[in-house]
């Protein structure tokens, strides 16, 4: 399994941003191989992190080449004050069981 983490600093969001952001989220959820997502905001530095989980790199690549994603990438400077992407292979995920987990199949005892 893979995780794609999109970390960004925000500028002003407008209606066009919100429409495109929604279109990308819907496209991701509709792709075979999509497993789930999480979002985080760091109040100390204002960065936002969106993490999408994928069954394979091919599934992740399908989102990267989706027309909505390409449109957002071309226009990102309108809404973002910088970004970075981290693609990682998830080897293990576990916890104490008190927080629901997107990926229970990876939970380790």
Protein backbone atom coordinates (compact mmCIF):
# COMPACT_ATOMS: atom_id res chain seq x y z
CA UNK A 1 0.00 0.00 0.00
CA UNK A 2 1.08 3.57 -0.67
CA UNK A 3 0.38 6.99 0.79
CA UNK A 4 0.54 10.25 -1.12
CA UNK A 5 0.90 13.20 1.21
CA UNK A 6 0.23 16.67 -0.16
CA UNK A 7 1.59 19.35 2.20
CA UNK A 8 0.86 22.98 1.41
CA UNK A 9 0.73 26.55 2.66
CA UNK A 10 -2.48 28.35 1.81
CA UNK A 11 -3.29 31.67 0.26
CA UNK A 12 -6.85 32.86 -0.29
CA UNK A 13 -9.23 30.16 -1.53
CA UNK A 14 -12.03 31.13 -3.91
CA UNK A 15 -15.03 29.31 -5.39
CA UNK A 16 -12.90 27.98 -8.26
CA UNK A 17 -10.50 26.38 -5.77
CA UNK A 18 -13.30 24.74 -3.79
CA UNK A 19 -14.95 23.36 -6.94
CA UNK A 20 -11.68 21.94 -8.22
CA UNK A 21 -10.72 20.55 -4.81
CA UNK A 22 -14.08 18.77 -4.62
CA UNK A 23 -13.69 17.41 -8.16
CA UNK A 24 -10.26 15.96 -7.29
CA UNK A 25 -11.56 14.37 -4.08
CA UNK A 26 -14.49 12.80 -5.96
CA UNK A 27 -12.17 11.54 -8.71
CA UNK A 28 -9.82 9.98 -6.15
CA UNK A 29 -12.65 8.22 -4.30
CA UNK A 30 -13.98 6.80 -7.58
CA UNK A 31 -10.67 5.28 -8.67
CA UNK A 32 -10.07 1.57 -8.22
CA UNK A 33 -7.32 1.23 -5.64
CA UNK A 34 -8.36 4.24 -3.52
CA UNK A 35 -8.37 3.19 0.15
CA UNK A 36 -9.07 6.36 2.13
CA UNK A 37 -7.81 9.76 3.16
CA UNK A 38 -6.96 11.93 6.14
CA UNK A 39 -6.33 15.67 6.49
CA UNK A 40 -4.32 17.57 9.07
CA UNK A 41 -3.54 21.19 9.79
CA UNK A 42 -0.53 22.35 11.79
CA UNK A 43 -1.69 25.40 13.73
CA UNK A 44 1.91 26.30 14.62
CA UNK A 45 3.03 26.88 11.03
CA UNK A 46 -0.26 26.96 9.10
CA UNK A 47 0.60 24.04 6.83
CA UNK A 48 -2.12 21.64 5.70
CA UNK A 49 -1.52 17.97 4.93
CA UNK A 50 -3.83 15.75 2.90
CA UNK A 51 -2.94 12.05 2.92
CA UNK A 52 -4.48 9.68 0.38
CA UNK A 53 -4.00 5.91 0.72
CA UNK A 54 -3.68 3.68 -2.36
CA UNK A 55 -3.53 -0.03 -2.99
CA UNK A 56 -0.83 0.44 -5.69
CA UNK A 57 1.37 3.00 -7.38
CA UNK A 58 -0.73 2.54 -10.52
CA UNK A 59 -3.85 3.64 -8.63
CA UNK A 60 -2.01 6.69 -7.32
CA UNK A 61 -0.73 7.50 -10.80
CA UNK A 62 -4.30 7.38 -12.12
CA UNK A 63 -5.14 10.37 -9.90
CA UNK A 64 -1.95 12.20 -10.84
CA UNK A 65 -2.93 12.06 -14.51
CA UNK A 66 -6.63 12.84 -13.97
CA UNK A 67 -7.72 16.05 -15.80
CA UNK A 68 -8.94 17.73 -12.57
CA UNK A 69 -5.61 17.09 -10.88
CA UNK A 70 -3.65 18.41 -13.85
CA UNK A 71 -5.83 21.54 -13.93
CA UNK A 72 -5.23 22.16 -10.21
CA UNK A 73 -1.49 21.62 -10.56
CA UNK A 74 -1.32 24.20 -13.36
CA UNK A 75 -3.23 26.76 -11.27
CA UNK A 76 -1.82 25.99 -7.80
CA UNK A 77 0.05 29.30 -7.52
CA UNK A 78 -3.31 31.07 -7.42
CA UNK A 79 -4.22 29.43 -4.11
CA UNK A 80 -1.06 28.02 -2.54
CA UNK A 81 1.99 29.63 -1.06
CA UNK A 82 4.14 26.57 -1.67
CA UNK A 83 3.71 22.81 -1.56
CA UNK A 84 5.48 19.48 -1.48
CA UNK A 85 4.39 15.92 -2.10
CA UNK A 86 5.65 12.82 -0.31
CA UNK A 87 4.97 9.40 -1.82
CA UNK A 88 5.64 6.56 0.59
CA UNK A 89 5.11 2.83 0.93
CA UNK A 90 3.17 1.93 4.06
CA UNK A 91 4.82 -1.00 5.77
CA UNK A 92 2.78 -1.13 8.97
CA UNK A 93 0.04 0.72 10.79
CA UNK A 94 -1.05 0.02 14.36
CA UNK A 95 -2.33 1.63 17.54
CA UNK A 96 -4.06 0.91 20.82
CA UNK A 97 -7.47 0.47 19.19
CA UNK A 98 -9.08 3.58 20.68
CA UNK A 99 -8.95 5.52 17.40
CA UNK A 100 -10.77 4.19 14.36
CA UNK A 101 -8.35 3.46 11.59
CA UNK A 102 -8.80 3.82 7.85
CA UNK A 103 -6.70 0.74 7.19
CA UNK A 104 -7.59 -1.99 9.69
CA UNK A 105 -6.00 -4.66 7.50
CA UNK A 106 -2.56 -3.24 8.36
CA UNK A 107 -3.10 -3.12 12.10
CA UNK A 108 -0.48 -5.17 13.91
CA UNK A 109 -0.97 -6.81 17.27
